[in-house]
Amino acid sequence: MGQAPGDLLADPPEQLRAFIRDGRITAVPAKRTRRLLLLDQVVQAFEPGRKYPEAAVDAVLKSIFDDHCALRRYLVDEAFMSRNTAGLYWRAGGTVPCRLRGPR
């Protein structure tokens, strides 16, 4: 996977600290801009280009929020993740950290 779920929300941005306690989401922000920022943090747990069965997505989301179904729906509705009829999910959006290459 991408970033480990335990590390995912360990040091949230200032705008999200009211919604996160001890690395877990306590509430989803009502304001869309903050909600999008939160979802971008969450989607970092999933690698771009990799497909995940629903059970694997749920396992990650359960580790950070009690209502993992709502969180999964937000990720799909806001185009951070997509899914097919076979129940496979993949990362479709979110920021991708730039990795600098070392010397050749």
N, C-alpha and C. Protein backbone atom coordinates (compact mmCIF):
# COMPACT_ATOMS: atom_id res chain seq x y z
N MET A 1 0.84 -1.18 0.00
CA MET A 1 0.00 0.00 0.00
C MET A 1 0.88 1.24 0.00
N GLY A 2 0.24 2.40 -0.03
CA GLY A 2 0.97 3.66 0.00
C GLY A 2 1.50 3.89 1.41
N GLN A 3 1.11 4.98 2.00
CA GLN A 3 1.54 5.30 3.36
C GLN A 3 0.82 4.38 4.35
N ALA A 4 1.53 3.95 5.38
CA ALA A 4 0.93 3.06 6.38
C ALA A 4 -0.22 3.76 7.08
N PRO A 5 -1.35 3.06 7.28
CA PRO A 5 -2.52 3.68 7.91
C PRO A 5 -2.22 4.33 9.27
N GLY A 6 -1.35 3.71 10.05
CA GLY A 6 -1.01 4.25 11.36
C GLY A 6 -0.30 5.59 11.29
N ASP A 7 0.46 5.80 10.21
CA ASP A 7 1.21 7.05 10.02
C ASP A 7 0.41 8.10 9.26
N LEU A 8 -0.65 7.66 8.64
CA LEU A 8 -1.41 8.49 7.72
C LEU A 8 -1.86 9.83 8.31
N LEU A 9 -2.41 9.80 9.50
CA LEU A 9 -2.95 11.00 10.13
C LEU A 9 -2.20 11.38 11.40
N ALA A 10 -0.95 10.92 11.51
CA ALA A 10 -0.17 11.16 12.71
C ALA A 10 0.14 12.64 12.91
N ASP A 11 0.38 13.36 11.82
CA ASP A 11 0.70 14.79 11.91
C ASP A 11 -0.12 15.55 10.87
N PRO A 12 -1.42 15.74 11.16
CA PRO A 12 -2.30 16.38 10.17
C PRO A 12 -2.00 17.87 10.01
N PRO A 13 -2.37 18.43 8.85
CA PRO A 13 -2.24 19.88 8.68
C PRO A 13 -3.10 20.62 9.71
N GLU A 14 -2.73 21.83 10.00
CA GLU A 14 -3.43 22.65 11.00
C GLU A 14 -4.94 22.69 10.77
N GLN A 15 -5.37 22.81 9.49
CA GLN A 15 -6.80 22.93 9.18
C GLN A 15 -7.60 21.67 9.55
N LEU A 16 -6.91 20.55 9.75
CA LEU A 16 -7.60 19.29 10.03
C LEU A 16 -7.48 18.82 11.47
N ARG A 17 -6.70 19.50 12.28
CA ARG A 17 -6.46 19.02 13.64
C ARG A 17 -7.71 18.92 14.49
N ALA A 18 -8.72 19.72 14.21
CA ALA A 18 -9.97 19.64 14.97
C ALA A 18 -10.76 18.38 14.66
N PHE A 19 -10.41 17.71 13.56
CA PHE A 19 -11.16 16.53 13.11
C PHE A 19 -10.41 15.22 13.31
N ILE A 20 -9.21 15.31 13.86
CA ILE A 20 -8.36 14.12 14.02
C ILE A 20 -7.81 14.08 15.44
N ARG A 21 -7.91 12.90 16.06
CA ARG A 21 -7.35 12.71 17.39
C ARG A 21 -6.67 11.34 17.42
N ASP A 22 -5.44 11.32 17.89
CA ASP A 22 -4.67 10.08 18.02
C ASP A 22 -4.62 9.28 16.72
N GLY A 23 -4.47 9.99 15.59
CA GLY A 23 -4.34 9.32 14.30
C GLY A 23 -5.64 8.78 13.72
N ARG A 24 -6.77 9.15 14.33
CA ARG A 24 -8.08 8.70 13.84
C ARG A 24 -8.99 9.90 13.58
N ILE A 25 -9.83 9.77 12.58
CA ILE A 25 -10.79 10.81 12.25
C ILE A 25 -11.92 10.76 13.27
N THR A 26 -12.22 11.91 13.86
CA THR A 26 -13.32 11.97 14.84
C THR A 26 -14.60 12.48 14.18
N ALA A 27 -14.46 13.27 13.11
CA ALA A 27 -15.62 13.79 12.37
C ALA A 27 -15.16 14.20 10.98
N VAL A 28 -16.06 14.10 10.03
CA VAL A 28 -15.76 14.56 8.66
C VAL A 28 -16.15 16.03 8.59
N PRO A 29 -15.25 16.87 8.09
CA PRO A 29 -15.56 18.30 8.01
C PRO A 29 -16.78 18.59 7.15
N ALA A 30 -17.60 19.54 7.57
CA ALA A 30 -18.77 19.95 6.79
C ALA A 30 -18.36 20.81 5.60
N LYS A 31 -17.33 21.64 5.78
CA LYS A 31 -16.86 22.48 4.69
C LYS A 31 -16.13 21.61 3.66
N ARG A 32 -16.52 21.77 2.41
CA ARG A 32 -15.97 20.92 1.35
C ARG A 32 -14.46 21.07 1.22
N THR A 33 -13.93 22.27 1.35
CA THR A 33 -12.48 22.46 1.18
C THR A 33 -11.70 21.67 2.22
N ARG A 34 -12.18 21.67 3.44
CA ARG A 34 -11.50 20.89 4.49
C ARG A 34 -11.73 19.39 4.29
N ARG A 35 -12.93 19.03 3.84
CA ARG A 35 -13.22 17.62 3.59
C ARG A 35 -12.31 17.09 2.48
N LEU A 36 -12.11 17.89 1.42
CA LEU A 36 -11.21 17.46 0.33
C LEU A 36 -9.78 17.31 0.83
N LEU A 37 -9.36 18.19 1.70
CA LEU A 37 -8.01 18.10 2.28
C LEU A 37 -7.89 16.81 3.10
N LEU A 38 -8.92 16.49 3.87
CA LEU A 38 -8.92 15.26 4.66
C LEU A 38 -8.88 14.02 3.74
N LEU A 39 -9.71 14.02 2.71
CA LEU A 39 -9.75 12.88 1.80
C LEU A 39 -8.42 12.70 1.07
N ASP A 40 -7.76 13.80 0.77
CA ASP A 40 -6.44 13.71 0.15
C ASP A 40 -5.44 13.04 1.09
N GLN A 41 -5.55 13.33 2.37
CA GLN A 41 -4.69 12.68 3.36
C GLN A 41 -5.00 11.18 3.42
N VAL A 42 -6.27 10.82 3.41
CA VAL A 42 -6.68 9.43 3.51
C VAL A 42 -6.23 8.62 2.30
N VAL A 43 -6.39 9.17 1.11
CA VAL A 43 -6.08 8.42 -0.11
C VAL A 43 -4.59 8.13 -0.25
N GLN A 44 -3.75 8.79 0.54
CA GLN A 44 -2.31 8.52 0.50
C GLN A 44 -1.99 7.08 0.93
N ALA A 45 -2.95 6.41 1.58
CA ALA A 45 -2.75 5.02 2.00
C ALA A 45 -2.79 4.05 0.81
N PHE A 46 -3.23 4.53 -0.34
CA PHE A 46 -3.40 3.65 -1.50
C PHE A 46 -2.43 4.05 -2.61
N GLU A 47 -1.77 3.07 -3.19
CA GLU A 47 -0.81 3.31 -4.26
C GLU A 47 -1.52 3.58 -5.57
N PRO A 48 -1.10 4.61 -6.30
CA PRO A 48 -1.66 4.83 -7.64
C PRO A 48 -1.33 3.63 -8.55
N GLY A 49 -2.27 3.25 -9.38
CA GLY A 49 -2.05 2.17 -10.33
C GLY A 49 -2.30 0.77 -9.79
N ARG A 50 -2.62 0.64 -8.53
CA ARG A 50 -2.87 -0.67 -7.93
C ARG A 50 -4.37 -0.82 -7.66
N LYS A 51 -4.91 -2.02 -7.87
CA LYS A 51 -6.33 -2.29 -7.59
C LYS A 51 -6.44 -3.01 -6.26
N TYR A 52 -7.49 -2.65 -5.52
CA TYR A 52 -7.71 -3.19 -4.18
C TYR A 52 -9.11 -3.79 -4.09
N PRO A 53 -9.25 -4.99 -3.51
CA PRO A 53 -10.61 -5.50 -3.24
C PRO A 53 -11.24 -4.65 -2.14
N GLU A 54 -12.56 -4.64 -2.10
CA GLU A 54 -13.28 -3.82 -1.13
C GLU A 54 -12.85 -4.12 0.30
N ALA A 55 -12.58 -5.38 0.60
CA ALA A 55 -12.18 -5.75 1.96
C ALA A 55 -10.86 -5.08 2.36
N ALA A 56 -9.93 -4.93 1.42
CA ALA A 56 -8.66 -4.28 1.72
C ALA A 56 -8.86 -2.78 1.95
N VAL A 57 -9.73 -2.17 1.15
CA VAL A 57 -10.04 -0.74 1.33
C VAL A 57 -10.69 -0.55 2.69
N ASP A 58 -11.66 -1.39 3.01
CA ASP A 58 -12.35 -1.29 4.29
C ASP A 58 -11.40 -1.46 5.47
N ALA A 59 -10.44 -2.37 5.36
CA ALA A 59 -9.49 -2.59 6.46
C ALA A 59 -8.70 -1.32 6.75
N VAL A 60 -8.27 -0.63 5.71
CA VAL A 60 -7.52 0.62 5.91
C VAL A 60 -8.44 1.68 6.51
N LEU A 61 -9.62 1.84 5.94
CA LEU A 61 -10.53 2.90 6.40
C LEU A 61 -11.03 2.66 7.82
N LYS A 62 -11.28 1.39 8.19
CA LYS A 62 -11.71 1.07 9.56
C LYS A 62 -10.65 1.45 10.58
N SER A 63 -9.39 1.40 10.17
CA SER A 63 -8.31 1.71 11.10
C SER A 63 -8.22 3.21 11.42
N ILE A 64 -8.91 4.05 10.62
CA ILE A 64 -8.82 5.48 10.86
C ILE A 64 -10.16 6.17 11.09
N PHE A 65 -11.29 5.45 10.87
CA PHE A 65 -12.59 6.08 11.07
C PHE A 65 -13.64 5.02 11.33
N ASP A 66 -14.52 5.26 12.30
CA ASP A 66 -15.54 4.27 12.65
C ASP A 66 -16.52 4.01 11.52
N ASP A 67 -16.94 5.06 10.81
CA ASP A 67 -17.89 4.90 9.71
C ASP A 67 -17.13 4.76 8.39
N HIS A 68 -16.49 3.60 8.24
CA HIS A 68 -15.64 3.39 7.07
C HIS A 68 -16.45 3.39 5.77
N CYS A 69 -17.72 3.01 5.82
CA CYS A 69 -18.56 3.02 4.62
C CYS A 69 -18.79 4.45 4.11
N ALA A 70 -19.06 5.36 5.02
CA ALA A 70 -19.24 6.76 4.63
C ALA A 70 -17.94 7.33 4.06
N LEU A 71 -16.82 6.99 4.69
CA LEU A 71 -15.54 7.49 4.22
C LEU A 71 -15.23 6.94 2.82
N ARG A 72 -15.52 5.67 2.58
CA ARG A 72 -15.32 5.07 1.26
C ARG A 72 -16.20 5.78 0.23
N ARG A 73 -17.44 6.07 0.60
CA ARG A 73 -18.36 6.77 -0.31
C ARG A 73 -17.84 8.16 -0.64
N TYR A 74 -17.35 8.89 0.37
CA TYR A 74 -16.76 10.21 0.11
C TYR A 74 -15.59 10.11 -0.87
N LEU A 75 -14.74 9.12 -0.68
CA LEU A 75 -13.58 8.96 -1.58
C LEU A 75 -14.02 8.72 -3.02
N VAL A 76 -15.06 7.93 -3.20
CA VAL A 76 -15.56 7.65 -4.55
C VAL A 76 -16.30 8.87 -5.10
N ASP A 77 -17.18 9.46 -4.31
CA ASP A 77 -17.98 10.61 -4.78
C ASP A 77 -17.11 11.80 -5.17
N GLU A 78 -16.02 12.00 -4.47
CA GLU A 78 -15.14 13.13 -4.74
C GLU A 78 -14.00 12.77 -5.70
N ALA A 79 -14.08 11.57 -6.31
CA ALA A 79 -13.15 11.11 -7.35
C ALA A 79 -11.71 10.90 -6.86
N PHE A 80 -11.57 10.61 -5.57
CA PHE A 80 -10.25 10.22 -5.07
C PHE A 80 -10.01 8.73 -5.34
N MET A 81 -11.10 7.97 -5.39
CA MET A 81 -11.02 6.55 -5.74
C MET A 81 -12.14 6.23 -6.71
N SER A 82 -11.91 5.20 -7.52
CA SER A 82 -12.93 4.68 -8.43
C SER A 82 -13.12 3.21 -8.14
N ARG A 83 -14.20 2.66 -8.68
CA ARG A 83 -14.46 1.23 -8.49
C ARG A 83 -15.15 0.69 -9.73
N ASN A 84 -15.08 -0.63 -9.88
CA ASN A 84 -15.78 -1.28 -10.98
C ASN A 84 -16.86 -2.19 -10.41
N THR A 85 -17.61 -2.83 -11.30
CA THR A 85 -18.71 -3.68 -10.87
C THR A 85 -18.23 -4.96 -10.19
N ALA A 86 -16.97 -5.30 -10.37
CA ALA A 86 -16.41 -6.49 -9.71
C ALA A 86 -16.02 -6.20 -8.26
N GLY A 87 -16.17 -4.94 -7.83
CA GLY A 87 -15.84 -4.59 -6.45
C GLY A 87 -14.39 -4.25 -6.22
N LEU A 88 -13.66 -3.95 -7.29
CA LEU A 88 -12.26 -3.53 -7.15
C LEU A 88 -12.19 -2.01 -7.13
N TYR A 89 -11.34 -1.50 -6.27
CA TYR A 89 -11.14 -0.06 -6.11
C TYR A 89 -9.72 0.30 -6.52
N TRP A 90 -9.54 1.52 -7.01
CA TRP A 90 -8.21 2.02 -7.31
C TRP A 90 -8.18 3.52 -7.06
N ARG A 91 -6.99 3.99 -6.80
CA ARG A 91 -6.82 5.41 -6.54
C ARG A 91 -6.95 6.17 -7.85
N ALA A 92 -7.82 7.17 -7.87
CA ALA A 92 -8.09 7.93 -9.08
C ALA A 92 -7.72 9.40 -8.93
N GLY A 93 -7.32 9.83 -7.75
CA GLY A 93 -7.02 11.24 -7.53
C GLY A 93 -6.17 11.43 -6.30
N GLY A 94 -6.04 12.68 -5.92
CA GLY A 94 -5.22 13.02 -4.76
C GLY A 94 -3.82 13.43 -5.20
N THR A 95 -3.13 14.06 -4.29
CA THR A 95 -1.77 14.50 -4.61
C THR A 95 -0.83 13.31 -4.57
N VAL A 96 0.19 13.40 -5.40
CA VAL A 96 1.21 12.36 -5.43
C VAL A 96 2.52 13.05 -5.07
N PRO A 97 3.15 12.63 -3.96
CA PRO A 97 4.38 13.30 -3.55
C PRO A 97 5.48 13.13 -4.61
N CYS A 98 6.21 14.17 -4.81
CA CYS A 98 7.33 14.15 -5.75
C CYS A 98 8.52 13.50 -5.05
N ARG A 99 9.07 12.49 -5.68
CA ARG A 99 10.24 11.81 -5.12
C ARG A 99 11.47 12.20 -5.92
N LEU A 100 12.44 12.71 -5.20
CA LEU A 100 13.69 13.11 -5.87
C LEU A 100 14.56 11.89 -6.07
N ARG A 101 15.16 11.84 -7.23
CA ARG A 101 16.08 10.74 -7.52
C ARG A 101 17.44 11.04 -6.92
N GLY A 102 18.07 10.00 -6.48
CA GLY A 102 19.44 10.15 -5.97
C GLY A 102 20.42 10.22 -7.14
N PRO A 103 21.69 10.37 -6.82
CA PRO A 103 22.70 10.44 -7.90
C PRO A 103 22.73 9.14 -8.69
N ARG A 104 23.05 9.26 -9.94
CA ARG A 104 23.11 8.08 -10.80
C ARG A 104 24.48 7.49 -10.83
